[in-house]
Amino acid sequence: MPRSIKLSDELITAATATGKALHRSPPRQIEYWARIGKIAEENPDLSLGLVRDILISQEEAAAGDVTDYEFG
């Protein structure tokens, strides 16, 4: 069941601008920021870059874009 929540105009404006640059709708951009924030709080030792790379690799795997990794 969808719920409405009140967000600041500042957050919506920032999400609109950033989302446009990254081809995301404002709600999707806010969801992305929330997801990154949640992961960062749960894993404070991980860098933002590593969190972003993990999210990208999960989406690539879900899309079937996987290859074997060669060590060494």
Protein backbone atom coordinates (compact mmCIF):
# COMPACT_ATOMS: atom_id res chain seq x y z
CA MET A 1 0.00 0.00 0.00
CA PRO A 2 1.64 3.29 -1.11
CA ARG A 3 2.22 5.86 1.58
CA SER A 4 2.76 9.57 1.27
CA ILE A 5 5.56 11.21 3.18
CA LYS A 6 6.47 14.87 3.40
CA LEU A 7 9.91 15.77 2.07
CA SER A 8 11.61 19.14 2.10
CA ASP A 9 11.55 21.23 -1.06
CA GLU A 10 15.35 21.36 -0.83
CA LEU A 11 15.64 17.56 -0.98
CA ILE A 12 13.21 17.31 -3.88
CA THR A 13 15.07 20.03 -5.80
CA ALA A 14 18.42 18.32 -5.23
CA ALA A 15 16.97 14.92 -6.20
CA THR A 16 15.46 16.40 -9.35
CA ALA A 17 18.76 17.92 -10.48
CA THR A 18 20.92 14.92 -9.57
CA GLY A 19 18.37 12.44 -10.88
CA LYS A 20 18.16 14.25 -14.19
CA ALA A 21 21.94 14.04 -14.59
CA LEU A 22 21.87 10.31 -13.73
CA HIS A 23 18.68 9.47 -15.67
CA ARG A 24 16.62 8.78 -12.54
CA SER A 25 13.29 10.20 -11.48
CA PRO A 26 13.32 12.28 -8.28
CA PRO A 27 11.69 9.45 -6.26
CA ARG A 28 14.21 6.92 -7.61
CA GLN A 29 17.09 9.28 -6.78
CA ILE A 30 15.82 9.67 -3.21
CA GLU A 31 15.44 5.88 -2.92
CA TYR A 32 19.02 5.49 -4.16
CA TRP A 33 20.33 7.98 -1.60
CA ALA A 34 18.36 6.22 1.15
CA ARG A 35 19.74 2.84 0.11
CA ILE A 36 23.32 4.15 0.09
CA GLY A 37 22.79 5.80 3.48
CA LYS A 38 21.36 2.62 4.99
CA ILE A 39 24.27 0.54 3.70
CA ALA A 40 26.77 3.14 4.97
CA GLU A 41 25.22 3.13 8.45
CA GLU A 42 25.22 -0.67 8.56
CA ASN A 43 28.81 -0.90 7.24
CA PRO A 44 30.73 2.17 8.46
CA ASP A 45 34.10 0.72 7.39
CA LEU A 46 33.14 0.61 3.68
CA SER A 47 33.92 3.58 1.46
CA LEU A 48 31.21 5.20 -0.63
CA GLY A 49 33.02 4.06 -3.76
CA LEU A 50 33.00 0.44 -2.61
CA VAL A 51 29.31 0.62 -1.69
CA ARG A 52 28.51 2.08 -5.12
CA ASP A 53 30.60 -0.61 -6.85
CA ILE A 54 28.79 -3.35 -4.91
CA LEU A 55 25.40 -1.94 -5.93
CA ILE A 56 26.49 -1.75 -9.57
CA SER A 57 27.81 -5.32 -9.52
CA GLN A 58 24.54 -6.56 -7.99
CA GLU A 59 22.56 -4.91 -10.80
CA GLU A 60 24.93 -6.33 -13.42
CA ALA A 61 24.52 -9.83 -11.96
CA ALA A 62 20.72 -9.44 -11.88
CA ALA A 63 20.86 -8.48 -15.57
CA GLY A 64 22.92 -11.58 -16.35
CA ASP A 65 26.07 -9.61 -17.11
CA VAL A 66 28.55 -11.87 -15.29
CA THR A 67 31.92 -13.32 -16.20
CA ASP A 68 34.39 -15.52 -14.33
CA TYR A 69 36.99 -13.61 -12.36
CA GLU A 70 40.61 -14.55 -13.01
CA PHE A 71 42.80 -14.21 -9.91
CA GLY A 72 46.45 -13.25 -10.25
